[in-house]
Amino acid sequence: MSRFASFRDFYPFYLSEHRNNVSRRLHFIGSCGVLLLVAWAILQGNPWWLLAALFCGYGFAWVGHFFFEKNRPATFKHPIYSFIGDWVMFKDILTGRIRF
């Protein structure tokens, strides 16, 4: 059972796991890559590009965690909240709420 009752409870923890600027930038770049690859999969009508999107998103994020944050990605224990957190943080970076 999760120790977080809601995503609202989880998000501060999520942000605490992403304090390093390089890690946040890698997450942001990976998310941009995901969006481009999903669009490309749709344009090409080839679902194999979705697999590339998956590797792009998690690849950039995990490099950030293992080499810069020196922590374990929250995806391993909280996959749904972590996935939502990636996109909320992406939006927060785009809107300037979180420093890039």
PDB file of N, CA and C in Angstrom:
ATOM      1  N   MET A   1       0.847  -1.185   0.000  1.00  0.00           N
ATOM      2  CA  MET A   1       0.000   0.000   0.000  1.00  0.00           C
ATOM      3  C   MET A   1       0.893   1.249   0.000  1.00  0.00           C
ATOM      4  N   SER A   2       0.474   2.230  -0.770  1.00  0.00           N
ATOM      5  CA  SER A   2       1.236   3.459  -0.901  1.00  0.00           C
ATOM      6  C   SER A   2       1.137   4.303   0.361  1.00  0.00           C
ATOM      7  N   ARG A   3       2.223   4.998   0.673  1.00  0.00           N
ATOM      8  CA  ARG A   3       2.189   5.884   1.834  1.00  0.00           C
ATOM      9  C   ARG A   3       1.589   7.236   1.470  1.00  0.00           C
ATOM     10  N   PHE A   4       1.203   7.416   0.216  1.00  0.00           N
ATOM     11  CA  PHE A   4       0.609   8.660  -0.249  1.00  0.00           C
ATOM     12  C   PHE A   4      -0.874   8.448  -0.520  1.00  0.00           C
ATOM     13  N   ALA A   5      -1.680   9.280   0.100  1.00  0.00           N
ATOM     14  CA  ALA A   5      -3.133   9.147  -0.055  1.00  0.00           C
ATOM     15  C   ALA A   5      -3.619   9.714  -1.383  1.00  0.00           C
ATOM     16  N   SER A   6      -2.822  10.601  -1.988  1.00  0.00           N
ATOM     17  CA  SER A   6      -3.238  11.233  -3.238  1.00  0.00           C
ATOM     18  C   SER A   6      -2.001  11.737  -3.977  1.00  0.00           C
ATOM     19  N   PHE A   7      -2.201  12.123  -5.221  1.00  0.00           N
ATOM     20  CA  PHE A   7      -1.094  12.708  -5.975  1.00  0.00           C
ATOM     21  C   PHE A   7      -0.654  14.013  -5.327  1.00  0.00           C
ATOM     22  N   ARG A   8      -1.591  14.749  -4.794  1.00  0.00           N
ATOM     23  CA  ARG A   8      -1.260  16.013  -4.106  1.00  0.00           C
ATOM     24  C   ARG A   8      -0.269  15.755  -2.962  1.00  0.00           C
ATOM     25  N   ASP A   9      -0.424  14.656  -2.274  1.00  0.00           N
ATOM     26  CA  ASP A   9       0.520  14.277  -1.211  1.00  0.00           C
ATOM     27  C   ASP A   9       1.861  13.817  -1.788  1.00  0.00           C
ATOM     28  N   PHE A  10       1.808  13.165  -2.932  1.00  0.00           N
ATOM     29  CA  PHE A  10       3.002  12.592  -3.551  1.00  0.00           C
ATOM     30  C   PHE A  10       3.904  13.643  -4.201  1.00  0.00           C
ATOM     31  N   TYR A  11       3.324  14.663  -4.816  1.00  0.00           N
ATOM     32  CA  TYR A  11       4.102  15.590  -5.636  1.00  0.00           C
ATOM     33  C   TYR A  11       5.238  16.292  -4.880  1.00  0.00           C
ATOM     34  N   PRO A  12       5.059  16.737  -3.645  1.00  0.00           N
ATOM     35  CA  PRO A  12       6.224  17.307  -2.931  1.00  0.00           C
ATOM     36  C   PRO A  12       7.380  16.305  -2.784  1.00  0.00           C
ATOM     37  N   PHE A  13       7.028  15.034  -2.514  1.00  0.00           N
ATOM     38  CA  PHE A  13       8.063  13.999  -2.462  1.00  0.00           C
ATOM     39  C   PHE A  13       8.740  13.865  -3.828  1.00  0.00           C
ATOM     40  N   TYR A  14       7.941  13.837  -4.877  1.00  0.00           N
ATOM     41  CA  TYR A  14       8.467  13.725  -6.232  1.00  0.00           C
ATOM     42  C   TYR A  14       9.459  14.853  -6.526  1.00  0.00           C
ATOM     43  N   LEU A  15       9.089  16.068  -6.186  1.00  0.00           N
ATOM     44  CA  LEU A  15       9.986  17.203  -6.412  1.00  0.00           C
ATOM     45  C   LEU A  15      11.253  17.095  -5.589  1.00  0.00           C
ATOM     46  N   SER A  16      11.152  16.550  -4.382  1.00  0.00           N
ATOM     47  CA  SER A  16      12.341  16.390  -3.542  1.00  0.00           C
ATOM     48  C   SER A  16      13.322  15.385  -4.147  1.00  0.00           C
ATOM     49  N   GLU A  17      12.824  14.499  -4.995  1.00  0.00           N
ATOM     50  CA  GLU A  17      13.667  13.516  -5.675  1.00  0.00           C
ATOM     51  C   GLU A  17      14.263  14.086  -6.966  1.00  0.00           C
ATOM     52  N   HIS A  18      13.931  15.341  -7.271  1.00  0.00           N
ATOM     53  CA  HIS A  18      14.393  15.997  -8.505  1.00  0.00           C
ATOM     54  C   HIS A  18      14.970  17.371  -8.194  1.00  0.00           C
ATOM     55  N   ARG A  19      15.857  17.435  -7.249  1.00  0.00           N
ATOM     56  CA  ARG A  19      16.461  18.717  -6.837  1.00  0.00           C
ATOM     57  C   ARG A  19      17.583  19.152  -7.762  1.00  0.00           C
ATOM     58  N   ASN A  20      18.251  18.213  -8.376  1.00  0.00           N
ATOM     59  CA  ASN A  20      19.403  18.511  -9.214  1.00  0.00           C
ATOM     60  C   ASN A  20      18.934  19.104 -10.549  1.00  0.00           C
ATOM     61  N   ASN A  21      19.507  20.267 -10.913  1.00  0.00           N
ATOM     62  CA  ASN A  21      19.116  20.939 -12.161  1.00  0.00           C
ATOM     63  C   ASN A  21      19.346  20.067 -13.391  1.00  0.00           C
ATOM     64  N   VAL A  22      20.464  19.366 -13.435  1.00  0.00           N
ATOM     65  CA  VAL A  22      20.763  18.520 -14.597  1.00  0.00           C
ATOM     66  C   VAL A  22      19.721  17.411 -14.709  1.00  0.00           C
ATOM     67  N   SER A  23      19.357  16.832 -13.599  1.00  0.00           N
ATOM     68  CA  SER A  23      18.349  15.776 -13.607  1.00  0.00           C
ATOM     69  C   SER A  23      17.007  16.293 -14.128  1.00  0.00           C
ATOM     70  N   ARG A  24      16.607  17.463 -13.644  1.00  0.00           N
ATOM     71  CA  ARG A  24      15.333  18.041 -14.131  1.00  0.00           C
ATOM     72  C   ARG A  24      15.406  18.334 -15.623  1.00  0.00           C
ATOM     73  N   ARG A  25      16.540  18.828 -16.066  1.00  0.00           N
ATOM     74  CA  ARG A  25      16.702  19.112 -17.500  1.00  0.00           C
ATOM     75  C   ARG A  25      16.637  17.830 -18.323  1.00  0.00           C
ATOM     76  N   LEU A  26      17.263  16.778 -17.824  1.00  0.00           N
ATOM     77  CA  LEU A  26      17.196  15.498 -18.526  1.00  0.00           C
ATOM     78  C   LEU A  26      15.759  14.984 -18.589  1.00  0.00           C
ATOM     79  N   HIS A  27      15.016  15.123 -17.497  1.00  0.00           N
ATOM     80  CA  HIS A  27      13.601  14.735 -17.513  1.00  0.00           C
ATOM     81  C   HIS A  27      12.847  15.539 -18.569  1.00  0.00           C
ATOM     82  N   PHE A  28      13.097  16.833 -18.602  1.00  0.00           N
ATOM     83  CA  PHE A  28      12.401  17.709 -19.545  1.00  0.00           C
ATOM     84  C   PHE A  28      12.743  17.334 -20.986  1.00  0.00           C
ATOM     85  N   ILE A  29      14.014  17.107 -21.269  1.00  0.00           N
ATOM     86  CA  ILE A  29      14.440  16.715 -22.614  1.00  0.00           C
ATOM     87  C   ILE A  29      13.822  15.379 -23.002  1.00  0.00           C
ATOM     88  N   GLY A  30      13.830  14.434 -22.071  1.00  0.00           N
ATOM     89  CA  GLY A  30      13.213  13.134 -22.334  1.00  0.00           C
ATOM     90  C   GLY A  30      11.729  13.256 -22.622  1.00  0.00           C
ATOM     91  N   SER A  31      11.032  14.122 -21.882  1.00  0.00           N
ATOM     92  CA  SER A  31       9.600  14.324 -22.112  1.00  0.00           C
ATOM     93  C   SER A  31       9.347  14.971 -23.469  1.00  0.00           C
ATOM     94  N   CYS A  32      10.196  15.918 -23.858  1.00  0.00           N
ATOM     95  CA  CYS A  32      10.081  16.511 -25.203  1.00  0.00           C
ATOM     96  C   CYS A  32      10.266  15.434 -26.265  1.00  0.00           C
ATOM     97  N   GLY A  33      11.253  14.577 -26.054  1.00  0.00           N
ATOM     98  CA  GLY A  33      11.482  13.466 -26.977  1.00  0.00           C
ATOM     99  C   GLY A  33      10.289  12.538 -27.064  1.00  0.00           C
ATOM    100  N   VAL A  34       9.668  12.268 -25.929  1.00  0.00           N
ATOM    101  CA  VAL A  34       8.474  11.417 -25.914  1.00  0.00           C
ATOM    102  C   VAL A  34       7.374  12.037 -26.773  1.00  0.00           C
ATOM    103  N   LEU A  35       7.126  13.318 -26.582  1.00  0.00           N
ATOM    104  CA  LEU A  35       6.079  13.985 -27.356  1.00  0.00           C
ATOM    105  C   LEU A  35       6.372  13.921 -28.858  1.00  0.00           C
ATOM    106  N   LEU A  36       7.621  14.169 -29.231  1.00  0.00           N
ATOM    107  CA  LEU A  36       7.996  14.105 -30.644  1.00  0.00           C
ATOM    108  C   LEU A  36       7.854  12.696 -31.211  1.00  0.00           C
ATOM    109  N   LEU A  37       8.285  11.710 -30.447  1.00  0.00           N
ATOM    110  CA  LEU A  37       8.214  10.331 -30.928  1.00  0.00           C
ATOM    111  C   LEU A  37       6.780   9.811 -30.998  1.00  0.00           C
ATOM    112  N   VAL A  38       5.935  10.224 -30.083  1.00  0.00           N
ATOM    113  CA  VAL A  38       4.512   9.836 -30.158  1.00  0.00           C
ATOM    114  C   VAL A  38       3.876  10.477 -31.391  1.00  0.00           C
ATOM    115  N   ALA A  39       4.181  11.749 -31.630  1.00  0.00           N
ATOM    116  CA  ALA A  39       3.661  12.415 -32.825  1.00  0.00           C
ATOM    117  C   ALA A  39       4.163  11.712 -34.085  1.00  0.00           C
ATOM    118  N   TRP A  40       5.445  11.340 -34.098  1.00  0.00           N
ATOM    119  CA  TRP A  40       6.018  10.656 -35.239  1.00  0.00           C
ATOM    120  C   TRP A  40       5.355   9.293 -35.456  1.00  0.00           C
ATOM    121  N   ALA A  41       5.081   8.573 -34.372  1.00  0.00           N
ATOM    122  CA  ALA A  41       4.400   7.276 -34.471  1.00  0.00           C
ATOM    123  C   ALA A  41       3.022   7.443 -35.106  1.00  0.00           C
ATOM    124  N   ILE A  42       2.329   8.503 -34.718  1.00  0.00           N
ATOM    125  CA  ILE A  42       1.005   8.764 -35.287  1.00  0.00           C
ATOM    126  C   ILE A  42       1.122   9.135 -36.765  1.00  0.00           C
ATOM    127  N   LEU A  43       2.048  10.036 -37.083  1.00  0.00           N
ATOM    128  CA  LEU A  43       2.224  10.476 -38.475  1.00  0.00           C
ATOM    129  C   LEU A  43       2.652   9.326 -39.391  1.00  0.00           C
ATOM    130  N   GLN A  44       3.502   8.466 -38.880  1.00  0.00           N
ATOM    131  CA  GLN A  44       3.998   7.343 -39.675  1.00  0.00           C
ATOM    132  C   GLN A  44       3.059   6.139 -39.641  1.00  0.00           C
ATOM    133  N   GLY A  45       2.137   6.143 -38.696  1.00  0.00           N
ATOM    134  CA  GLY A  45       1.257   4.980 -38.534  1.00  0.00           C
ATOM    135  C   GLY A  45       2.027   3.747 -38.113  1.00  0.00           C
ATOM    136  N   ASN A  46       3.103   3.975 -37.371  1.00  0.00           N
ATOM    137  CA  ASN A  46       3.973   2.878 -36.959  1.00  0.00           C
ATOM    138  C   ASN A  46       4.100   2.864 -35.439  1.00  0.00           C
ATOM    139  N   PRO A  47       3.419   1.931 -34.777  1.00  0.00           N
ATOM    140  CA  PRO A  47       3.431   1.895 -33.307  1.00  0.00           C
ATOM    141  C   PRO A  47       4.783   1.546 -32.695  1.00  0.00           C
ATOM    142  N   TRP A  48       5.734   1.073 -33.483  1.00  0.00           N
ATOM    143  CA  TRP A  48       7.056   0.771 -32.941  1.00  0.00           C
ATOM    144  C   TRP A  48       7.748   2.023 -32.414  1.00  0.00           C
ATOM    145  N   TRP A  49       7.393   3.187 -32.943  1.00  0.00           N
ATOM    146  CA  TRP A  49       7.972   4.438 -32.443  1.00  0.00           C
ATOM    147  C   TRP A  49       7.538   4.706 -31.005  1.00  0.00           C
ATOM    148  N   LEU A  50       6.427   4.103 -30.577  1.00  0.00           N
ATOM    149  CA  LEU A  50       5.989   4.266 -29.184  1.00  0.00           C
ATOM    150  C   LEU A  50       6.974   3.596 -28.233  1.00  0.00           C
ATOM    151  N   LEU A  51       7.559   2.507 -28.692  1.00  0.00           N
ATOM    152  CA  LEU A  51       8.594   1.848 -27.890  1.00  0.00           C
ATOM    153  C   LEU A  51       9.816   2.759 -27.760  1.00  0.00           C
ATOM    154  N   ALA A  52      10.159   3.419 -28.843  1.00  0.00           N
ATOM    155  CA  ALA A  52      11.266   4.386 -28.798  1.00  0.00           C
ATOM    156  C   ALA A  52      10.939   5.520 -27.835  1.00  0.00           C
ATOM    157  N   ALA A  53       9.676   5.963 -27.823  1.00  0.00           N
ATOM    158  CA  ALA A  53       9.253   7.022 -26.893  1.00  0.00           C
ATOM    159  C   ALA A  53       9.431   6.569 -25.450  1.00  0.00           C
ATOM    160  N   LEU A  54       9.064   5.346 -25.179  1.00  0.00           N
ATOM    161  CA  LEU A  54       9.214   4.796 -23.829  1.00  0.00           C
ATOM    162  C   LEU A  54      10.690   4.798 -23.399  1.00  0.00           C
ATOM    163  N   PHE A  55      11.553   4.317 -24.277  1.00  0.00           N
ATOM    164  CA  PHE A  55      12.982   4.290 -23.969  1.00  0.00           C
ATOM    165  C   PHE A  55      13.555   5.695 -23.823  1.00  0.00           C
ATOM    166  N   CYS A  56      13.104   6.608 -24.643  1.00  0.00           N
ATOM    167  CA  CYS A  56      13.584   7.990 -24.580  1.00  0.00           C
ATOM    168  C   CYS A  56      13.213   8.619 -23.233  1.00  0.00           C
ATOM    169  N   GLY A  57      11.943   8.545 -22.874  1.00  0.00           N
ATOM    170  CA  GLY A  57      11.488   9.158 -21.626  1.00  0.00           C
ATOM    171  C   GLY A  57      12.171   8.586 -20.402  1.00  0.00           C
ATOM    172  N   TYR A  58      12.139   7.271 -20.291  1.00  0.00           N
ATOM    173  CA  TYR A  58      12.742   6.655 -19.112  1.00  0.00           C
ATOM    174  C   TYR A  58      14.262   6.698 -19.170  1.00  0.00           C
ATOM    175  N   GLY A  59      14.836   6.605 -20.350  1.00  0.00           N
ATOM    176  CA  GLY A  59      16.293   6.650 -20.472  1.00  0.00           C
ATOM    177  C   GLY A  59      16.876   7.952 -19.944  1.00  0.00           C
ATOM    178  N   PHE A  60      16.353   9.069 -20.415  1.00  0.00           N
ATOM    179  CA  PHE A  60      16.843  10.362 -19.944  1.00  0.00           C
ATOM    180  C   PHE A  60      16.598  10.525 -18.436  1.00  0.00           C
ATOM    181  N   ALA A  61      15.405  10.143 -17.986  1.00  0.00           N
ATOM    182  CA  ALA A  61      15.066  10.304 -16.569  1.00  0.00           C
ATOM    183  C   ALA A  61      15.981   9.456 -15.682  1.00  0.00           C
ATOM    184  N   TRP A  62      16.210   8.223 -16.073  1.00  0.00           N
ATOM    185  CA  TRP A  62      17.010   7.340 -15.236  1.00  0.00           C
ATOM    186  C   TRP A  62      18.474   7.743 -15.215  1.00  0.00           C
ATOM    187  N   VAL A  63      18.990   8.273 -16.297  1.00  0.00           N
ATOM    188  CA  VAL A  63      20.350   8.815 -16.266  1.00  0.00           C
ATOM    189  C   VAL A  63      20.405   9.940 -15.232  1.00  0.00           C
ATOM    190  N   GLY A  64      19.388  10.790 -15.228  1.00  0.00           N
ATOM    191  CA  GLY A  64      19.326  11.868 -14.239  1.00  0.00           C
ATOM    192  C   GLY A  64      19.338  11.350 -12.817  1.00  0.00           C
ATOM    193  N   HIS A  65      18.577  10.292 -12.570  1.00  0.00           N
ATOM    194  CA  HIS A  65      18.516   9.749 -11.213  1.00  0.00           C
ATOM    195  C   HIS A  65      19.809   9.052 -10.807  1.00  0.00           C
ATOM    196  N   PHE A  66      20.290   8.172 -11.652  1.00  0.00           N
ATOM    197  CA  PHE A  66      21.431   7.353 -11.262  1.00  0.00           C
ATOM    198  C   PHE A  66      22.747   8.128 -11.225  1.00  0.00           C
ATOM    199  N   PHE A  67      22.917   9.111 -12.114  1.00  0.00           N
ATOM    200  CA  PHE A  67      24.208   9.796 -12.205  1.00  0.00           C
ATOM    201  C   PHE A  67      24.226  11.181 -11.570  1.00  0.00           C
ATOM    202  N   PHE A  68      23.082  11.818 -11.448  1.00  0.00           N
ATOM    203  CA  PHE A  68      23.066  13.180 -10.913  1.00  0.00           C
ATOM    204  C   PHE A  68      22.336  13.283  -9.575  1.00  0.00           C
ATOM    205  N   GLU A  69      21.166  12.683  -9.476  1.00  0.00           N
ATOM    206  CA  GLU A  69      20.453  12.699  -8.196  1.00  0.00           C
ATOM    207  C   GLU A  69      21.042  11.679  -7.228  1.00  0.00           C
ATOM    208  N   LYS A  70      21.593  10.615  -7.787  1.00  0.00           N
ATOM    209  CA  LYS A  70      22.120   9.498  -6.982  1.00  0.00           C
ATOM    210  C   LYS A  70      21.015   8.896  -6.106  1.00  0.00           C
ATOM    211  N   ASN A  71      19.845   8.716  -6.733  1.00  0.00           N
ATOM    212  CA  ASN A  71      18.731   8.073  -6.032  1.00  0.00           C
ATOM    213  C   ASN A  71      18.029   7.110  -6.977  1.00  0.00           C
ATOM    214  N   ARG A  72      17.075   6.417  -6.435  1.00  0.00           N
ATOM    215  CA  ARG A  72      16.317   5.431  -7.188  1.00  0.00           C
ATOM    216  C   ARG A  72      15.048   6.096  -7.714  1.00  0.00           C
ATOM    217  N   PRO A  73      14.730   5.946  -9.005  1.00  0.00           N
ATOM    218  CA  PRO A  73      13.527   6.581  -9.534  1.00  0.00           C
ATOM    219  C   PRO A  73      12.264   6.148  -8.783  1.00  0.00           C
ATOM    220  N   ALA A  74      11.393   7.115  -8.539  1.00  0.00           N
ATOM    221  CA  ALA A  74      10.131   6.833  -7.849  1.00  0.00           C
ATOM    222  C   ALA A  74       9.259   5.895  -8.660  1.00  0.00           C
ATOM    223  N   THR A  75       9.541   5.753  -9.943  1.00  0.00           N
ATOM    224  CA  THR A  75       8.787   4.856 -10.825  1.00  0.00           C
ATOM    225  C   THR A  75       8.747   3.437 -10.279  1.00  0.00           C
ATOM    226  N   PHE A  76       9.800   3.028  -9.598  1.00  0.00           N
ATOM    227  CA  PHE A  76       9.875   1.653  -9.121  1.00  0.00           C
ATOM    228  C   PHE A  76       8.857   1.351  -8.024  1.00  0.00           C
ATOM    229  N   LYS A  77       8.538   2.336  -7.203  1.00  0.00           N
ATOM    230  CA  LYS A  77       7.578   2.108  -6.113  1.00  0.00           C
ATOM    231  C   LYS A  77       6.222   2.765  -6.355  1.00  0.00           C
ATOM    232  N   HIS A  78       6.205   3.812  -7.148  1.00  0.00           N
ATOM    233  CA  HIS A  78       4.977   4.582  -7.385  1.00  0.00           C
ATOM    234  C   HIS A  78       4.844   4.889  -8.878  1.00  0.00           C
ATOM    235  N   PRO A  79       4.633   3.863  -9.706  1.00  0.00           N
ATOM    236  CA  PRO A  79       4.682   4.079 -11.156  1.00  0.00           C
ATOM    237  C   PRO A  79       3.633   5.059 -11.691  1.00  0.00           C
ATOM    238  N   ILE A  80       2.425   4.996 -11.199  1.00  0.00           N
ATOM    239  CA  ILE A  80       1.375   5.877 -11.731  1.00  0.00           C
ATOM    240  C   ILE A  80       1.598   7.314 -11.271  1.00  0.00           C
ATOM    241  N   TYR A  81       1.794   7.504  -9.977  1.00  0.00           N
ATOM    242  CA  TYR A  81       2.048   8.857  -9.471  1.00  0.00           C
ATOM    243  C   TYR A  81       3.312   9.449 -10.092  1.00  0.00           C
ATOM    244  N   SER A  82       4.326   8.625 -10.303  1.00  0.00           N
ATOM    245  CA  SER A  82       5.563   9.102 -10.890  1.00  0.00           C
ATOM    246  C   SER A  82       5.345   9.540 -12.341  1.00  0.00           C
ATOM    247  N   PHE A  83       4.577   8.767 -13.084  1.00  0.00           N
ATOM    248  CA  PHE A  83       4.262   9.128 -14.466  1.00  0.00           C
ATOM    249  C   PHE A  83       3.518  10.465 -14.511  1.00  0.00           C
ATOM    250  N   ILE A  84       2.549  10.623 -13.637  1.00  0.00           N
ATOM    251  CA  ILE A  84       1.806  11.890 -13.560  1.00  0.00           C
ATOM    252  C   ILE A  84       2.771  13.010 -13.153  1.00  0.00           C
ATOM    253  N   GLY A  85       3.631  12.724 -12.179  1.00  0.00           N
ATOM    254  CA  GLY A  85       4.591  13.714 -11.707  1.00  0.00           C
ATOM    255  C   GLY A  85       5.515  14.199 -12.811  1.00  0.00           C
ATOM    256  N   ASP A  86       5.927  13.289 -13.701  1.00  0.00           N
ATOM    257  CA  ASP A  86       6.777  13.690 -14.826  1.00  0.00           C
ATOM    258  C   ASP A  86       6.105  14.778 -15.647  1.00  0.00           C
ATOM    259  N   TRP A  87       4.825  14.578 -15.925  1.00  0.00           N
ATOM    260  CA  TRP A  87       4.121  15.536 -16.796  1.00  0.00           C
ATOM    261  C   TRP A  87       3.735  16.813 -16.063  1.00  0.00           C
ATOM    262  N   VAL A  88       3.462  16.714 -14.767  1.00  0.00           N
ATOM    263  CA  VAL A  88       3.187  17.935 -13.999  1.00  0.00           C
ATOM    264  C   VAL A  88       4.471  18.752 -13.875  1.00  0.00           C
ATOM    265  N   MET A  89       5.595  18.082 -13.614  1.00  0.00           N
ATOM    266  CA  MET A  89       6.860  18.805 -13.541  1.00  0.00           C
ATOM    267  C   MET A  89       7.199  19.417 -14.902  1.00  0.00           C
ATOM    268  N   PHE A  90       6.936  18.711 -15.989  1.00  0.00           N
ATOM    269  CA  PHE A  90       7.155  19.229 -17.332  1.00  0.00           C
ATOM    270  C   PHE A  90       6.363  20.523 -17.520  1.00  0.00           C
ATOM    271  N   LYS A  91       5.093  20.492 -17.122  1.00  0.00           N
ATOM    272  CA  LYS A  91       4.240  21.677 -17.223  1.00  0.00           C
ATOM    273  C   LYS A  91       4.765  22.789 -16.325  1.00  0.00           C
ATOM    274  N   ASP A  92       5.187  22.447 -15.123  1.00  0.00           N
ATOM    275  CA  ASP A  92       5.706  23.450 -14.192  1.00  0.00           C
ATOM    276  C   ASP A  92       6.996  24.093 -14.702  1.00  0.00           C
ATOM    277  N   ILE A  93       7.816  23.340 -15.414  1.00  0.00           N
ATOM    278  CA  ILE A  93       9.014  23.916 -16.017  1.00  0.00           C
ATOM    279  C   ILE A  93       8.616  24.836 -17.164  1.00  0.00           C
ATOM    280  N   LEU A  94       7.680  24.386 -17.984  1.00  0.00           N
ATOM    281  CA  LEU A  94       7.225  25.218 -19.117  1.00  0.00           C
ATOM    282  C   LEU A  94       6.629  26.551 -18.650  1.00  0.00           C
ATOM    283  N   THR A  95       5.917  26.516 -17.548  1.00  0.00           N
ATOM    284  CA  THR A  95       5.248  27.727 -17.057  1.00  0.00           C
ATOM    285  C   THR A  95       6.146  28.571 -16.146  1.00  0.00           C
ATOM    286  N   GLY A  96       7.347  28.079 -15.863  1.00  0.00           N
ATOM    287  CA  GLY A  96       8.286  28.837 -15.038  1.00  0.00           C
ATOM    288  C   GLY A  96       8.102  28.634 -13.545  1.00  0.00           C
ATOM    289  N   ARG A  97       7.212  27.771 -13.161  1.00  0.00           N
ATOM    290  CA  ARG A  97       7.007  27.498 -11.727  1.00  0.00           C
ATOM    291  C   ARG A  97       8.213  26.786 -11.116  1.00  0.00           C
ATOM    292  N   ILE A  98       8.857  25.961 -11.942  1.00  0.00           N
ATOM    293  CA  ILE A  98      10.077  25.252 -11.539  1.00  0.00           C
ATOM    294  C   ILE A  98      11.196  25.708 -12.467  1.00  0.00           C
ATOM    295  N   ARG A  99      12.333  25.977 -11.873  1.00  0.00           N
ATOM    296  CA  ARG A  99      13.492  26.461 -12.635  1.00  0.00           C
ATOM    297  C   ARG A  99      14.032  25.365 -13.544  1.00  0.00           C
ATOM    298  N   PHE A 100      14.323  25.726 -14.786  1.00  0.00           N
ATOM    299  CA  PHE A 100      14.933  24.817 -15.746  1.00  0.00           C
ATOM    300  C   PHE A 100      16.406  24.891 -15.542  1.00  0.00           C
TER     301      PHE A 100
END
